[in-house]
Amino acid sequence: NLVIHCARTPILIAVEDGIPLRYLGDISFSDCRIHSGGPCVIQGSPQALIRRVSFTHLRISTTGDDAILTRHCQDISLNQVTLDNRAGSLPA
């Protein structure tokens, strides 16, 4: 049971354009409560898809417009995930 409080991006997995990777995937996040100012971001590139990322039993509350952003991804799984965006002030 992990609790994350942050002003920006609580989870960031990103690959810059032009960087080829053979494989990036099989990543899981579970049993977390996240309070943040920005979204969780999973962002591959045209040369490197991010594959098989799972979010299980999470509660994500953000003060921004988005709770999770994905790009250039395949097989992203959300199980028992509660999302709240524009959630107001972050708790102290």
Protein backbone atom coordinates (compact mmCIF):
# COMPACT_ATOMS: atom_id res chain seq x y z
CA ASN A 1 0.00 0.00 0.00
CA LEU A 2 1.88 2.95 -1.37
CA VAL A 3 0.72 6.57 -1.14
CA ILE A 4 2.22 9.09 -3.57
CA HIS A 5 1.78 12.86 -3.13
CA CYS A 6 3.40 15.06 -5.76
CA ALA A 7 2.88 18.37 -7.52
CA ARG A 8 3.56 17.06 -11.03
CA THR A 9 3.75 13.63 -12.68
CA PRO A 10 3.58 10.76 -10.16
CA ILE A 11 4.40 7.98 -12.65
CA LEU A 12 6.40 8.67 -15.81
CA ILE A 13 7.58 6.05 -18.26
CA ALA A 14 8.78 7.78 -21.43
CA VAL A 15 10.92 7.05 -24.45
CA GLU A 16 12.28 9.95 -26.49
CA ASP A 17 11.62 9.99 -30.23
CA GLY A 18 14.44 8.46 -32.24
CA ILE A 19 15.51 6.01 -29.50
CA PRO A 20 14.92 2.43 -30.66
CA LEU A 21 14.43 -0.13 -27.89
CA ARG A 22 14.02 -3.84 -28.47
CA TYR A 23 11.42 -4.13 -25.69
CA LEU A 24 10.01 -2.04 -22.87
CA GLY A 25 7.10 -3.57 -21.02
CA ASP A 26 5.70 -6.04 -18.50
CA ILE A 27 5.42 -3.30 -15.88
CA SER A 28 2.79 -3.28 -13.14
CA PHE A 29 1.56 -0.85 -10.52
CA SER A 30 -0.76 -2.06 -7.77
CA ASP A 31 -2.25 -1.11 -4.42
CA CYS A 32 -1.47 2.62 -4.62
CA ARG A 33 -3.19 5.89 -3.80
CA ILE A 34 -1.92 8.80 -5.87
CA HIS A 35 -2.63 12.51 -5.28
CA SER A 36 -0.95 14.72 -7.85
CA GLY A 37 -1.06 17.89 -9.88
CA GLY A 38 -0.46 16.09 -13.16
CA PRO A 39 -1.30 12.78 -14.82
CA CYS A 40 0.44 9.43 -14.83
CA VAL A 41 2.22 9.24 -18.21
CA ILE A 42 3.08 6.16 -20.26
CA GLN A 43 4.63 7.39 -23.51
CA GLY A 44 6.54 5.32 -26.01
CA SER A 45 7.75 6.53 -29.39
CA PRO A 46 7.18 5.52 -33.00
CA GLN A 47 10.41 3.47 -32.74
CA ALA A 48 9.66 1.94 -29.32
CA LEU A 49 6.17 0.95 -28.19
CA ILE A 50 5.64 0.44 -24.46
CA ARG A 51 3.82 -2.86 -23.98
CA ARG A 52 1.89 -4.63 -21.26
CA VAL A 53 1.59 -2.08 -18.45
CA SER A 54 -1.01 -2.85 -15.81
CA PHE A 55 -2.59 -0.68 -13.15
CA THR A 56 -4.43 -2.70 -10.50
CA HIS A 57 -6.30 -1.50 -7.42
CA LEU A 58 -5.29 2.17 -7.72
CA ARG A 59 -6.97 5.43 -6.84
CA ILE A 60 -5.59 8.36 -8.84
CA SER A 61 -6.69 11.91 -7.99
CA THR A 62 -5.24 14.86 -9.89
CA THR A 63 -5.90 18.58 -9.88
CA GLY A 64 -5.25 18.72 -13.64
CA ASP A 65 -7.35 17.90 -16.67
CA ASP A 66 -6.15 14.29 -17.05
CA ALA A 67 -5.47 11.38 -14.70
CA ILE A 68 -3.65 9.05 -17.13
CA LEU A 69 -2.06 9.83 -20.52
CA THR A 70 -0.81 7.16 -22.91
CA ARG A 71 0.86 7.42 -26.30
CA HIS A 72 2.56 4.82 -28.50
CA CYS A 73 1.47 2.01 -26.17
CA GLN A 74 0.00 -1.44 -26.53
CA ASP A 75 -1.96 -3.55 -24.03
CA ILE A 76 -2.41 -1.06 -21.17
CA SER A 77 -4.63 -2.67 -18.53
CA LEU A 78 -6.75 -0.91 -15.87
CA ASN A 79 -8.29 -3.17 -13.22
CA GLN A 80 -10.09 -1.79 -10.17
CA VAL A 81 -8.83 1.73 -10.92
CA THR A 82 -10.65 4.85 -9.73
CA LEU A 83 -9.84 8.13 -11.47
CA ASP A 84 -10.64 11.68 -10.33
CA ASN A 85 -9.34 14.63 -12.28
CA ARG A 86 -9.87 18.30 -11.47
CA ALA A 87 -10.08 17.04 -7.88
CA GLY A 88 -9.37 20.40 -6.26
CA SER A 89 -6.54 21.06 -3.84
CA LEU A 90 -4.09 18.34 -3.01
CA PRO A 91 -4.13 17.17 0.60
CA ALA A 92 -1.20 18.30 2.73
